[in-house]
Every structure is written in structure tokens, then in C-alpha cells.
Amino acid sequence: MRNKARVAILISGTGSNMAALLYASRAPDSPYEVVLVTGDNPDAPGLVLADAEGVPVARFPAPTKATRPDFFAALDRALHEAEADTVALAGFMRILPADFVGAWSGKLLNIHPSLLPKYKGLDTHARALEAGDNHGGCSVHLVTPEVDAGEVLGQVPVAILPGDTPDTLADRVKIAEHQLYPRILAGYVSRYQDAAWIEAQVDALTSRLPEVTRKTSHGSPGWQVGGEKSGKLFAILADRHHGEDAIGLLVKASGPDEMTGLIEAQPEAYYWPKYYGASGWLGVKLNRRDLDWSQVADWLERSWRASAPARLTKLMRAADEF
């Protein structure tokens, strides 16, 4: 697994936020590296800066209405060729097509010069002044097909001063943007190592299964099926237990042969949990950047089926057949 996330940055102009992200990436403890800078303006000054700093740059002709599909297809290819894990929009002034957003869902971040959900779109500073707000600010959010509507990951409020104009307010908001974006991006690409974030993802997946309740197992978060008193554990979250590097999800496998085969074939994904493996629990490593959460959902359902009372599995089998 790569040590650092691979980030591509999309710009349209001077690229001041791109520069902030790039220079922050050069700190020894940065969890990401910038592997590509590109955008919709081949003459953007930010591309010149990225080139001078030794960052790979891709230049594409500015798209027209007729060439827009070709532009986004070429952009998608460039991102894949750069093996980008995450894409940061930094002053990229094009609305992304829904299919492009869908293909990169959860991997697209943007910075917006307002305290979202206020003032989506353009002219944010003028609108804040006209409304008589005492603060403007900036937000980093996930990109969704609806403009500026994705989950907000972080914000910084910026005081509005007497006599402010849209330009003077914008200058101070830019300073806040340059502080906020690198911090939020670093936290976002590192979330796969955050046990609390991982627990929340597992919690959301288990909530889709019938009759699941939380139950602590030797101090670890666990999930059981079949009622509070008579229920059986089907999943346990083991946070680096007994010297393991893994934040692991312990689930029920079919037996030692399957466990041994999986661990030998994919040691980066599976492990034999100490003190649990002998009881048929397989460890699935969750603190991996390339983790496929749909596979985690499959393991949870399978382990749930192995532990659930017959009345519940019968209903689920009937639903599957239907």
C-alpha cells in the first residue's frame, strides 16, 4: 500500500489554493503528495507554477459546448494515468458532469468562499455584504452533482469589517482558504486510519441488517443479532489489538481452511486475530486506503447470516429469492 495519498488538483486560474496544497504536501508529515495539476485553461498561471515546482502538468484545450464531453473524458484518463486517489478542485470554474462526479464519488473535494449552505454559486462576498452578515468565510466540501451541496468537511469564519468591499473581504477569505484546505485534505485522506471514523462506517453498514444491536466484547465495539439478551455477536472491531497494525473487523468465516487460504493469498487484506482466530473469527483489515467497503458489507451480511436465528435467515432467503 502506498504511504501517501496521490492527489490531483484542478484549477482554472492563478492556482493560489493549489500552491497552498502543494507546499503543505512537502512537509515531512504530510499524508498526501500532489501527482498532477491540470484544468480547463491551458494558459492558466497556476500551471506555470506547478511546472516550475516539478509537478506533472496536463494541458487541455479550453472546452467548448461541443468539445465538453471529450474534455472530461480526457481529464478522466489523465487522472487515472496519474493514479490519483483524490481530486481537489482549487478554483476550477467548470461544473462537473454528473457521470464524472459519480465515477469519482467520495474522492472529489472543493473549496468554496462562503459558509455553506449560505451563498452557493458565484458572487458570494457581495451577497454576504448585501445581507448584512457579520462574517463571511470558506468551506471545504465533498462534490456532488448538485453544485456546492455536498457534505461540509470544514469551515473557517472570517469577520466582515466596516467598509469592506467584495474585494477586501475576498482577500482575507483567501488567507483562511489557504489555511483550511491543506488541513482538511490531510485529514480526509487519512481518515482510513481513524478508528472512530471506521467504527461509524461499520455502524452504518450493520444498521441495514435486521435486529442488530451494539454489544461490547472485551472492551471492543461489537454488533450482535437476535435480541439484547439472547443475541449472538457477528462482528467485532479490533483496534490494533495484541500488537497488530490492523484496525480489523472480526467476522465469522466458514472454517480454518477458508481463513488460512484467504490470509495466505491476501495478507494485505486478511489476518488471523490472536485469541479469536481459534474460535473461527477472521480479521479483515479496515485501515487500508484501497479498501472496498462493499466487500466489508458482504462480510458483515455473511457473518450476520451465520449468527442469526433461523427465523431471520429464513425471511432473508425468501427476500433474496423474490
C-alpha atoms as a PDB file:
ATOM      1  CA  MET A   1       0.000   0.000   0.000  1.00  0.00           C
ATOM      2  CA  ARG A   2       1.247   3.490  -0.841  1.00  0.00           C
ATOM      3  CA  ASN A   3       2.448   5.540   2.122  1.00  0.00           C
ATOM      4  CA  LYS A   4       0.866   8.749   0.836  1.00  0.00           C
ATOM      5  CA  ALA A   5      -2.380   9.529  -0.901  1.00  0.00           C
ATOM      6  CA  ARG A   6      -1.975  10.654  -4.501  1.00  0.00           C
ATOM      7  CA  VAL A   7      -3.783  13.946  -5.063  1.00  0.00           C
ATOM      8  CA  ALA A   8      -4.586  15.633  -8.366  1.00  0.00           C
ATOM      9  CA  ILE A   9      -5.543  19.323  -8.360  1.00  0.00           C
ATOM     10  CA  LEU A  10      -7.851  21.011 -10.878  1.00  0.00           C
ATOM     11  CA  ILE A  11      -7.512  24.755 -11.475  1.00  0.00           C
ATOM     12  CA  SER A  12      -8.624  27.436 -13.909  1.00  0.00           C
ATOM     13  CA  GLY A  13      -6.513  30.461 -12.955  1.00  0.00           C
ATOM     14  CA  THR A  14      -3.675  31.564 -10.695  1.00  0.00           C
ATOM     15  CA  GLY A  15      -3.893  28.486  -8.508  1.00  0.00           C
ATOM     16  CA  SER A  16      -3.260  30.082  -5.112  1.00  0.00           C
ATOM     17  CA  ASN A  17      -5.093  27.257  -3.329  1.00  0.00           C
ATOM     18  CA  MET A  18      -3.220  24.770  -5.496  1.00  0.00           C
ATOM     19  CA  ALA A  19       0.011  26.336  -4.279  1.00  0.00           C
ATOM     20  CA  ALA A  20      -1.137  26.116  -0.652  1.00  0.00           C
ATOM     21  CA  LEU A  21      -1.927  22.418  -1.086  1.00  0.00           C
ATOM     22  CA  LEU A  22       1.334  21.768  -2.916  1.00  0.00           C
ATOM     23  CA  TYR A  23       3.591  23.456  -0.371  1.00  0.00           C
ATOM     24  CA  ALA A  24       1.751  21.809   2.525  1.00  0.00           C
ATOM     25  CA  SER A  25       2.337  18.441   0.853  1.00  0.00           C
ATOM     26  CA  ARG A  26       6.079  18.952   1.189  1.00  0.00           C
ATOM     27  CA  ALA A  27       6.010  18.884   4.976  1.00  0.00           C
ATOM     28  CA  PRO A  28       7.641  15.648   6.190  1.00  0.00           C
ATOM     29  CA  ASP A  29       4.461  14.514   7.948  1.00  0.00           C
ATOM     30  CA  SER A  30       2.070  15.276   5.089  1.00  0.00           C
ATOM     31  CA  PRO A  31      -0.176  12.278   4.311  1.00  0.00           C
ATOM     32  CA  TYR A  32      -0.540  13.222   0.637  1.00  0.00           C
ATOM     33  CA  GLU A  33       1.531  14.114  -2.404  1.00  0.00           C
ATOM     34  CA  VAL A  34       0.486  16.125  -5.453  1.00  0.00           C
ATOM     35  CA  VAL A  35       0.850  13.939  -8.542  1.00  0.00           C
ATOM     36  CA  LEU A  36      -0.906  16.088 -11.152  1.00  0.00           C
ATOM     37  CA  VAL A  37      -2.100  19.642 -11.742  1.00  0.00           C
ATOM     38  CA  THR A  38      -4.442  20.255 -14.636  1.00  0.00           C
ATOM     39  CA  GLY A  39      -7.594  22.120 -15.558  1.00  0.00           C
ATOM     40  CA  ASP A  40      -9.659  23.736 -18.271  1.00  0.00           C
ATOM     41  CA  ASN A  41      -7.302  26.587 -19.199  1.00  0.00           C
ATOM     42  CA  PRO A  42      -4.012  25.608 -20.855  1.00  0.00           C
ATOM     43  CA  ASP A  43      -2.648  29.121 -20.203  1.00  0.00           C
ATOM     44  CA  ALA A  44      -3.520  29.227 -16.502  1.00  0.00           C
ATOM     45  CA  PRO A  45      -0.694  30.837 -14.468  1.00  0.00           C
ATOM     46  CA  GLY A  46      -1.099  28.089 -11.879  1.00  0.00           C
ATOM     47  CA  LEU A  47       0.055  25.502 -14.410  1.00  0.00           C
ATOM     48  CA  VAL A  48       3.244  27.502 -14.954  1.00  0.00           C
ATOM     49  CA  LEU A  49       3.903  27.474 -11.214  1.00  0.00           C
ATOM     50  CA  ALA A  50       3.211  23.746 -10.885  1.00  0.00           C
ATOM     51  CA  ASP A  51       5.522  23.058 -13.824  1.00  0.00           C
ATOM     52  CA  ALA A  52       8.278  25.141 -12.231  1.00  0.00           C
ATOM     53  CA  GLU A  53       7.840  23.215  -8.980  1.00  0.00           C
ATOM     54  CA  GLY A  54       8.360  19.918 -10.779  1.00  0.00           C
ATOM     55  CA  VAL A  55       4.777  18.688 -10.526  1.00  0.00           C
ATOM     56  CA  PRO A  56       3.373  16.807 -13.550  1.00  0.00           C
ATOM     57  CA  VAL A  57       1.052  19.077 -15.536  1.00  0.00           C
ATOM     58  CA  ALA A  58      -1.555  18.175 -18.158  1.00  0.00           C
ATOM     59  CA  ARG A  59      -2.784  20.909 -20.520  1.00  0.00           C
ATOM     60  CA  PHE A  60      -6.018  20.550 -22.430  1.00  0.00           C
ATOM     61  CA  PRO A  61      -7.672  22.999 -24.844  1.00  0.00           C
ATOM     62  CA  ALA A  62     -10.375  25.040 -23.150  1.00  0.00           C
ATOM     63  CA  PRO A  63     -13.596  23.105 -23.703  1.00  0.00           C
ATOM     64  CA  THR A  64     -16.451  24.461 -25.761  1.00  0.00           C
ATOM     65  CA  LYS A  65     -20.034  23.266 -25.633  1.00  0.00           C
ATOM     66  CA  ALA A  66     -19.263  20.874 -28.496  1.00  0.00           C
ATOM     67  CA  THR A  67     -16.000  19.551 -27.022  1.00  0.00           C
ATOM     68  CA  ARG A  68     -17.105  19.361 -23.375  1.00  0.00           C
ATOM     69  CA  PRO A  69     -17.661  15.566 -23.378  1.00  0.00           C
ATOM     70  CA  ASP A  70     -14.243  14.994 -24.964  1.00  0.00           C
ATOM     71  CA  PHE A  71     -12.601  17.302 -22.435  1.00  0.00           C
ATOM     72  CA  PHE A  72     -13.996  15.452 -19.415  1.00  0.00           C
ATOM     73  CA  ALA A  73     -13.159  12.082 -20.963  1.00  0.00           C
ATOM     74  CA  ALA A  74      -9.550  13.243 -21.442  1.00  0.00           C
ATOM     75  CA  LEU A  75      -9.489  14.641 -17.904  1.00  0.00           C
ATOM     76  CA  ASP A  76     -10.721  11.339 -16.503  1.00  0.00           C
ATOM     77  CA  ARG A  77      -7.992   9.462 -18.408  1.00  0.00           C
ATOM     78  CA  ALA A  78      -5.321  11.834 -17.114  1.00  0.00           C
ATOM     79  CA  LEU A  79      -6.461  11.340 -13.522  1.00  0.00           C
ATOM     80  CA  HIS A  80      -6.375   7.572 -13.892  1.00  0.00           C
ATOM     81  CA  GLU A  81      -2.972   7.654 -15.597  1.00  0.00           C
ATOM     82  CA  ALA A  82      -1.662   9.691 -12.659  1.00  0.00           C
ATOM     83  CA  GLU A  83      -3.153   7.040 -10.327  1.00  0.00           C
ATOM     84  CA  ALA A  84      -4.878   9.769  -8.352  1.00  0.00           C
ATOM     85  CA  ASP A  85      -6.634   8.691  -5.151  1.00  0.00           C
ATOM     86  CA  THR A  86      -8.260  12.063  -4.517  1.00  0.00           C
ATOM     87  CA  VAL A  87      -9.079  15.090  -6.673  1.00  0.00           C
ATOM     88  CA  ALA A  88      -9.016  18.580  -5.162  1.00  0.00           C
ATOM     89  CA  LEU A  89     -10.827  21.349  -7.017  1.00  0.00           C
ATOM     90  CA  ALA A  90      -9.000  24.617  -6.375  1.00  0.00           C
ATOM     91  CA  GLY A  91     -10.622  27.410  -8.346  1.00  0.00           C
ATOM     92  CA  PHE A  92     -11.797  25.075 -11.089  1.00  0.00           C
ATOM     93  CA  MET A  93     -14.556  27.065 -12.761  1.00  0.00           C
ATOM     94  CA  ARG A  94     -16.431  24.321 -14.586  1.00  0.00           C
ATOM     95  CA  ILE A  95     -19.478  22.420 -13.413  1.00  0.00           C
ATOM     96  CA  LEU A  96     -18.597  18.736 -13.431  1.00  0.00           C
ATOM     97  CA  PRO A  97     -20.886  16.349 -15.348  1.00  0.00           C
ATOM     98  CA  ALA A  98     -22.951  14.016 -13.185  1.00  0.00           C
ATOM     99  CA  ASP A  99     -21.318  10.899 -14.651  1.00  0.00           C
ATOM    100  CA  PHE A 100     -17.846  12.267 -13.893  1.00  0.00           C
ATOM    101  CA  VAL A 101     -18.879  13.059 -10.303  1.00  0.00           C
ATOM    102  CA  GLY A 102     -20.382   9.600  -9.968  1.00  0.00           C
ATOM    103  CA  ALA A 103     -17.222   7.911 -11.164  1.00  0.00           C
ATOM    104  CA  TRP A 104     -15.148   9.826  -8.597  1.00  0.00           C
ATOM    105  CA  SER A 105     -17.746   9.875  -5.823  1.00  0.00           C
ATOM    106  CA  GLY A 106     -16.185  10.317  -2.388  1.00  0.00           C
ATOM    107  CA  LYS A 107     -12.874  11.316  -3.966  1.00  0.00           C
ATOM    108  CA  LEU A 108     -13.718  14.877  -5.077  1.00  0.00           C
ATOM    109  CA  LEU A 109     -13.199  17.848  -2.747  1.00  0.00           C
ATOM    110  CA  ASN A 110     -13.826  21.537  -3.400  1.00  0.00           C
ATOM    111  CA  ILE A 111     -13.262  24.799  -1.550  1.00  0.00           C
ATOM    112  CA  HIS A 112     -15.986  27.439  -1.686  1.00  0.00           C
ATOM    113  CA  PRO A 113     -15.727  31.068  -0.472  1.00  0.00           C
ATOM    114  CA  SER A 114     -18.745  31.115   1.838  1.00  0.00           C
ATOM    115  CA  LEU A 115     -20.031  29.454   4.959  1.00  0.00           C
ATOM    116  CA  LEU A 116     -22.123  26.825   3.219  1.00  0.00           C
ATOM    117  CA  PRO A 117     -25.032  26.271   2.896  1.00  0.00           C
ATOM    118  CA  LYS A 118     -25.082  30.056   2.539  1.00  0.00           C
ATOM    119  CA  TYR A 119     -24.363  31.573  -0.847  1.00  0.00           C
ATOM    120  CA  LYS A 120     -23.837  28.633  -3.140  1.00  0.00           C
ATOM    121  CA  GLY A 121     -22.551  29.565  -6.569  1.00  0.00           C
ATOM    122  CA  LEU A 122     -20.957  32.887  -7.528  1.00  0.00           C
ATOM    123  CA  ASP A 123     -20.652  36.403  -6.039  1.00  0.00           C
ATOM    124  CA  THR A 124     -20.505  35.034  -2.509  1.00  0.00           C
ATOM    125  CA  HIS A 125     -18.787  38.039  -0.912  1.00  0.00           C
ATOM    126  CA  ALA A 126     -21.121  40.607  -2.444  1.00  0.00           C
ATOM    127  CA  ARG A 127     -24.114  38.559  -1.321  1.00  0.00           C
ATOM    128  CA  ALA A 128     -22.779  38.324   2.236  1.00  0.00           C
ATOM    129  CA  LEU A 129     -22.262  42.104   2.344  1.00  0.00           C
ATOM    130  CA  GLU A 130     -25.700  42.810   0.898  1.00  0.00           C
ATOM    131  CA  ALA A 131     -27.286  40.549   3.515  1.00  0.00           C
ATOM    132  CA  GLY A 132     -25.566  42.468   6.320  1.00  0.00           C
ATOM    133  CA  ASP A 133     -23.741  39.407   7.620  1.00  0.00           C
ATOM    134  CA  ASN A 134     -21.097  39.924  10.287  1.00  0.00           C
ATOM    135  CA  HIS A 135     -18.997  37.042   8.945  1.00  0.00           C
ATOM    136  CA  GLY A 136     -18.080  35.587   5.591  1.00  0.00           C
ATOM    137  CA  GLY A 137     -15.792  32.611   5.315  1.00  0.00           C
ATOM    138  CA  CYS A 138     -14.907  29.483   3.405  1.00  0.00           C
ATOM    139  CA  SER A 139     -15.900  25.824   3.355  1.00  0.00           C
ATOM    140  CA  VAL A 140     -14.327  22.599   2.104  1.00  0.00           C
ATOM    141  CA  HIS A 141     -16.938  20.116   0.956  1.00  0.00           C
ATOM    142  CA  LEU A 142     -17.391  16.903  -0.968  1.00  0.00           C
ATOM    143  CA  VAL A 143     -18.503  17.369  -4.564  1.00  0.00           C
ATOM    144  CA  THR A 144     -21.906  16.050  -5.603  1.00  0.00           C
ATOM    145  CA  PRO A 145     -23.883  16.574  -8.819  1.00  0.00           C
ATOM    146  CA  GLU A 146     -25.724  19.471  -7.157  1.00  0.00           C
ATOM    147  CA  VAL A 147     -23.425  22.498  -7.053  1.00  0.00           C
ATOM    148  CA  ASP A 148     -21.911  23.277  -3.614  1.00  0.00           C
ATOM    149  CA  ALA A 149     -24.321  20.867  -1.913  1.00  0.00           C
ATOM    150  CA  GLY A 150     -22.015  18.056  -0.726  1.00  0.00           C
ATOM    151  CA  GLU A 151     -21.106  17.257   2.870  1.00  0.00           C
ATOM    152  CA  VAL A 152     -19.165  20.108   4.500  1.00  0.00           C
ATOM    153  CA  LEU A 153     -15.863  18.805   5.893  1.00  0.00           C
ATOM    154  CA  GLY A 154     -14.635  22.038   7.471  1.00  0.00           C
ATOM    155  CA  GLN A 155     -15.171  25.798   7.619  1.00  0.00           C
ATOM    156  CA  VAL A 156     -13.461  28.987   8.765  1.00  0.00           C
ATOM    157  CA  PRO A 157     -15.499  32.135   9.511  1.00  0.00           C
ATOM    158  CA  VAL A 158     -13.921  35.469   8.552  1.00  0.00           C
ATOM    159  CA  ALA A 159     -15.110  38.705  10.177  1.00  0.00           C
ATOM    160  CA  ILE A 160     -16.643  41.363   7.922  1.00  0.00           C
ATOM    161  CA  LEU A 161     -15.214  44.785   8.757  1.00  0.00           C
ATOM    162  CA  PRO A 162     -16.857  48.202   8.404  1.00  0.00           C
ATOM    163  CA  GLY A 163     -16.220  49.497   4.906  1.00  0.00           C
ATOM    164  CA  ASP A 164     -15.460  46.061   3.446  1.00  0.00           C
ATOM    165  CA  THR A 165     -15.948  45.582  -0.268  1.00  0.00           C
ATOM    166  CA  PRO A 166     -16.237  42.227  -2.040  1.00  0.00           C
ATOM    167  CA  ASP A 167     -12.545  42.540  -2.955  1.00  0.00           C
ATOM    168  CA  THR A 168     -11.258  43.343   0.544  1.00  0.00           C
ATOM    169  CA  LEU A 169     -13.324  40.568   2.058  1.00  0.00           C
ATOM    170  CA  ALA A 170     -12.148  38.155  -0.640  1.00  0.00           C
ATOM    171  CA  ASP A 171      -8.518  38.945   0.203  1.00  0.00           C
ATOM    172  CA  ARG A 172      -8.974  37.891   3.834  1.00  0.00           C
ATOM    173  CA  VAL A 173     -11.065  34.863   2.952  1.00  0.00           C
ATOM    174  CA  LYS A 174      -8.232  33.713   0.665  1.00  0.00           C
ATOM    175  CA  ILE A 175      -5.886  33.660   3.663  1.00  0.00           C
ATOM    176  CA  ALA A 176      -8.376  31.459   5.507  1.00  0.00           C
ATOM    177  CA  GLU A 177      -8.764  29.193   2.459  1.00  0.00           C
ATOM    178  CA  HIS A 178      -5.016  28.614   2.283  1.00  0.00           C
ATOM    179  CA  GLN A 179      -5.007  27.515   5.937  1.00  0.00           C
ATOM    180  CA  LEU A 180      -8.173  25.422   5.788  1.00  0.00           C
ATOM    181  CA  TYR A 181      -7.811  23.417   2.581  1.00  0.00           C
ATOM    182  CA  PRO A 182      -4.491  21.649   3.308  1.00  0.00           C
ATOM    183  CA  ARG A 183      -5.654  20.745   6.821  1.00  0.00           C
ATOM    184  CA  ILE A 184      -8.986  19.327   5.696  1.00  0.00           C
ATOM    185  CA  LEU A 185      -7.472  17.470   2.739  1.00  0.00           C
ATOM    186  CA  ALA A 186      -4.828  15.915   5.007  1.00  0.00           C
ATOM    187  CA  GLY A 187      -7.482  14.778   7.464  1.00  0.00           C
ATOM    188  CA  TYR A 188      -9.724  13.429   4.720  1.00  0.00           C
ATOM    189  CA  VAL A 189      -7.082  11.273   3.046  1.00  0.00           C
ATOM    190  CA  SER A 190      -6.002   9.983   6.497  1.00  0.00           C
ATOM    191  CA  ARG A 191      -9.470   9.022   7.719  1.00  0.00           C
ATOM    192  CA  TYR A 192      -8.876   5.356   6.885  1.00  0.00           C
ATOM    193  CA  GLN A 193      -6.534   5.253   9.910  1.00  0.00           C
ATOM    194  CA  ASP A 194      -9.106   6.826  12.252  1.00  0.00           C
ATOM    195  CA  ALA A 195     -10.741   4.131  14.390  1.00  0.00           C
ATOM    196  CA  ALA A 196     -13.724   6.359  15.228  1.00  0.00           C
ATOM    197  CA  TRP A 197     -14.409   7.041  11.538  1.00  0.00           C
ATOM    198  CA  ILE A 198     -14.068   3.345  10.704  1.00  0.00           C
ATOM    199  CA  GLU A 199     -16.438   2.418  13.538  1.00  0.00           C
ATOM    200  CA  ALA A 200     -19.032   4.852  12.165  1.00  0.00           C
ATOM    201  CA  GLN A 201     -18.805   3.221   8.714  1.00  0.00           C
ATOM    202  CA  VAL A 202     -19.280  -0.262  10.203  1.00  0.00           C
ATOM    203  CA  ASP A 203     -22.158   1.033  12.309  1.00  0.00           C
ATOM    204  CA  ALA A 204     -23.872   2.382   9.193  1.00  0.00           C
ATOM    205  CA  LEU A 205     -23.461  -0.936   7.373  1.00  0.00           C
ATOM    206  CA  THR A 206     -24.724  -3.058  10.265  1.00  0.00           C
ATOM    207  CA  SER A 207     -27.776  -0.801  10.644  1.00  0.00           C
ATOM    208  CA  ARG A 208     -29.026  -2.153   7.307  1.00  0.00           C
ATOM    209  CA  LEU A 209     -29.317  -5.666   8.756  1.00  0.00           C
ATOM    210  CA  PRO A 210     -32.345  -6.843  10.800  1.00  0.00           C
ATOM    211  CA  GLU A 211     -32.342  -6.965  14.596  1.00  0.00           C
ATOM    212  CA  VAL A 212     -28.806  -5.700  15.142  1.00  0.00           C
ATOM    213  CA  THR A 213     -27.745  -4.109  18.428  1.00  0.00           C
ATOM    214  CA  ARG A 214     -24.421  -2.913  19.775  1.00  0.00           C
ATOM    215  CA  LYS A 215     -22.598  -5.053  22.339  1.00  0.00           C
ATOM    216  CA  THR A 216     -19.135  -4.538  23.776  1.00  0.00           C
ATOM    217  CA  SER A 217     -16.795  -7.523  23.546  1.00  0.00           C
ATOM    218  CA  HIS A 218     -13.823  -7.391  25.948  1.00  0.00           C
ATOM    219  CA  GLY A 219     -13.849  -3.595  25.673  1.00  0.00           C
ATOM    220  CA  SER A 220     -14.173  -3.546  21.880  1.00  0.00           C
ATOM    221  CA  PRO A 221     -17.174  -2.356  19.862  1.00  0.00           C
ATOM    222  CA  GLY A 222     -19.273  -5.276  18.723  1.00  0.00           C
ATOM    223  CA  TRP A 223     -22.529  -5.980  16.920  1.00  0.00           C
ATOM    224  CA  GLN A 224     -24.953  -8.781  17.690  1.00  0.00           C
ATOM    225  CA  VAL A 225     -28.108 -10.173  16.116  1.00  0.00           C
ATOM    226  CA  GLY A 226     -31.187 -11.702  17.704  1.00  0.00           C
ATOM    227  CA  GLY A 227     -32.070  -9.614  20.739  1.00  0.00           C
ATOM    228  CA  GLU A 228     -30.226  -7.917  23.583  1.00  0.00           C
ATOM    229  CA  LYS A 229     -30.064 -10.896  25.948  1.00  0.00           C
ATOM    230  CA  SER A 230     -30.051 -13.878  23.597  1.00  0.00           C
ATOM    231  CA  GLY A 231     -28.249 -12.301  20.672  1.00  0.00           C
ATOM    232  CA  LYS A 232     -25.038 -13.593  19.123  1.00  0.00           C
ATOM    233  CA  LEU A 233     -22.052 -11.498  18.163  1.00  0.00           C
ATOM    234  CA  PHE A 234     -21.367 -11.453  14.441  1.00  0.00           C
ATOM    235  CA  ALA A 235     -18.833  -8.593  14.192  1.00  0.00           C
ATOM    236  CA  ILE A 236     -16.168  -7.084  16.452  1.00  0.00           C
ATOM    237  CA  LEU A 237     -13.957  -4.058  15.786  1.00  0.00           C
ATOM    238  CA  ALA A 238     -10.402  -4.748  16.956  1.00  0.00           C
ATOM    239  CA  ASP A 239      -8.290  -1.574  17.072  1.00  0.00           C
ATOM    240  CA  ARG A 240      -4.665  -2.729  16.778  1.00  0.00           C
ATOM    241  CA  HIS A 241      -5.176  -5.495  19.313  1.00  0.00           C
ATOM    242  CA  HIS A 242      -2.283  -7.523  20.712  1.00  0.00           C
ATOM    243  CA  GLY A 243       0.396  -5.739  18.699  1.00  0.00           C
ATOM    244  CA  GLU A 244      -1.418  -5.893  15.355  1.00  0.00           C
ATOM    245  CA  ASP A 245      -1.048  -2.963  12.961  1.00  0.00           C
ATOM    246  CA  ALA A 246      -4.580  -3.503  11.718  1.00  0.00           C
ATOM    247  CA  ILE A 247      -7.810  -1.885  12.692  1.00  0.00           C
ATOM    248  CA  GLY A 248      -9.643  -5.114  11.998  1.00  0.00           C
ATOM    249  CA  LEU A 249     -13.207  -6.238  11.588  1.00  0.00           C
ATOM    250  CA  LEU A 250     -13.588  -9.709  13.054  1.00  0.00           C
ATOM    251  CA  VAL A 251     -16.234 -11.749  11.249  1.00  0.00           C
ATOM    252  CA  LYS A 252     -17.236 -15.393  11.124  1.00  0.00           C
ATOM    253  CA  ALA A 253     -15.589 -17.461   8.381  1.00  0.00           C
ATOM    254  CA  SER A 254     -16.623 -20.948   7.298  1.00  0.00           C
ATOM    255  CA  GLY A 255     -13.645 -22.585   8.992  1.00  0.00           C
ATOM    256  CA  PRO A 256      -9.844 -22.795   9.286  1.00  0.00           C
ATOM    257  CA  ASP A 257      -9.312 -23.819   5.672  1.00  0.00           C
ATOM    258  CA  GLU A 258     -11.026 -20.736   4.304  1.00  0.00           C
ATOM    259  CA  MET A 259      -9.257 -18.486   6.806  1.00  0.00           C
ATOM    260  CA  THR A 260      -5.829 -19.907   6.008  1.00  0.00           C
ATOM    261  CA  GLY A 261      -6.449 -19.652   2.272  1.00  0.00           C
ATOM    262  CA  LEU A 262      -7.549 -16.013   2.443  1.00  0.00           C
ATOM    263  CA  ILE A 263      -4.704 -14.959   4.743  1.00  0.00           C
ATOM    264  CA  GLU A 264      -2.055 -16.676   2.616  1.00  0.00           C
ATOM    265  CA  ALA A 265      -3.464 -15.326  -0.652  1.00  0.00           C
ATOM    266  CA  GLN A 266      -4.191 -11.769   0.549  1.00  0.00           C
ATOM    267  CA  PRO A 267      -2.124 -10.960   3.655  1.00  0.00           C
ATOM    268  CA  GLU A 268      -2.627  -7.243   2.977  1.00  0.00           C
ATOM    269  CA  ALA A 269      -6.402  -7.712   3.441  1.00  0.00           C
ATOM    270  CA  TYR A 270      -6.831 -10.525   5.989  1.00  0.00           C
ATOM    271  CA  TYR A 271      -5.152 -11.741   9.175  1.00  0.00           C
ATOM    272  CA  TRP A 272      -5.513 -14.366  11.901  1.00  0.00           C
ATOM    273  CA  PRO A 273      -6.598 -12.448  15.027  1.00  0.00           C
ATOM    274  CA  LYS A 274      -4.839 -13.522  18.207  1.00  0.00           C
ATOM    275  CA  TYR A 275      -7.122 -15.252  20.731  1.00  0.00           C
ATOM    276  CA  TYR A 276     -10.056 -15.018  18.290  1.00  0.00           C
ATOM    277  CA  GLY A 277      -8.865 -16.982  15.265  1.00  0.00           C
ATOM    278  CA  ALA A 278      -9.173 -20.320  17.039  1.00  0.00           C
ATOM    279  CA  SER A 279     -12.882 -19.584  17.538  1.00  0.00           C
ATOM    280  CA  GLY A 280     -13.484 -19.090  13.833  1.00  0.00           C
ATOM    281  CA  TRP A 281     -13.123 -15.304  13.683  1.00  0.00           C
ATOM    282  CA  LEU A 282     -11.357 -13.916  10.605  1.00  0.00           C
ATOM    283  CA  GLY A 283      -9.710 -10.496  10.708  1.00  0.00           C
ATOM    284  CA  VAL A 284     -10.480  -8.147   7.815  1.00  0.00           C
ATOM    285  CA  LYS A 285      -8.062  -5.201   7.716  1.00  0.00           C
ATOM    286  CA  LEU A 286     -10.053  -1.977   7.511  1.00  0.00           C
ATOM    287  CA  ASN A 287      -7.327   0.655   7.802  1.00  0.00           C
ATOM    288  CA  ARG A 288      -6.424   0.437   4.116  1.00  0.00           C
ATOM    289  CA  ARG A 289      -6.686   3.315   1.678  1.00  0.00           C
ATOM    290  CA  ASP A 290      -7.805   0.963  -1.098  1.00  0.00           C
ATOM    291  CA  LEU A 291     -10.485  -0.762   0.997  1.00  0.00           C
ATOM    292  CA  ASP A 292     -13.643  -1.721  -0.882  1.00  0.00           C
ATOM    293  CA  TRP A 293     -16.442  -1.063   1.600  1.00  0.00           C
ATOM    294  CA  SER A 294     -18.885  -3.112  -0.475  1.00  0.00           C
ATOM    295  CA  GLN A 295     -16.770  -6.174   0.371  1.00  0.00           C
ATOM    296  CA  VAL A 296     -16.962  -5.230   4.052  1.00  0.00           C
ATOM    297  CA  ALA A 297     -20.745  -5.075   3.692  1.00  0.00           C
ATOM    298  CA  ASP A 298     -20.702  -8.551   2.135  1.00  0.00           C
ATOM    299  CA  TRP A 299     -18.645  -9.944   5.028  1.00  0.00           C
ATOM    300  CA  LEU A 300     -20.967  -8.363   7.571  1.00  0.00           C
ATOM    301  CA  GLU A 301     -24.026  -9.866   5.912  1.00  0.00           C
ATOM    302  CA  ARG A 302     -22.381 -13.263   5.649  1.00  0.00           C
ATOM    303  CA  SER A 303     -21.316 -13.198   9.299  1.00  0.00           C
ATOM    304  CA  TRP A 304     -24.777 -11.981  10.281  1.00  0.00           C
ATOM    305  CA  ARG A 305     -26.361 -14.933   8.442  1.00  0.00           C
ATOM    306  CA  ALA A 306     -24.027 -17.352  10.242  1.00  0.00           C
ATOM    307  CA  SER A 307     -25.093 -15.972  13.616  1.00  0.00           C
ATOM    308  CA  ALA A 308     -28.743 -15.026  13.167  1.00  0.00           C
ATOM    309  CA  PRO A 309     -31.633 -17.212  14.348  1.00  0.00           C
ATOM    310  CA  ALA A 310     -33.333 -19.283  11.678  1.00  0.00           C
ATOM    311  CA  ARG A 311     -36.473 -17.154  11.693  1.00  0.00           C
ATOM    312  CA  LEU A 312     -34.432 -14.173  10.425  1.00  0.00           C
ATOM    313  CA  THR A 313     -32.332 -16.002   7.857  1.00  0.00           C
ATOM    314  CA  LYS A 314     -35.450 -17.688   6.502  1.00  0.00           C
ATOM    315  CA  LEU A 315     -37.018 -14.298   5.862  1.00  0.00           C
ATOM    316  CA  MET A 316     -33.850 -13.033   4.200  1.00  0.00           C
ATOM    317  CA  ARG A 317     -33.597 -16.101   1.969  1.00  0.00           C
ATOM    318  CA  ALA A 318     -37.195 -15.579   0.928  1.00  0.00           C
ATOM    319  CA  ALA A 319     -36.470 -11.933   0.141  1.00  0.00           C
ATOM    320  CA  ASP A 320     -33.419 -12.956  -1.941  1.00  0.00           C
ATOM    321  CA  GLU A 321     -35.494 -15.422  -3.950  1.00  0.00           C
ATOM    322  CA  PHE A 322     -38.199 -12.838  -4.527  1.00  0.00           C
END
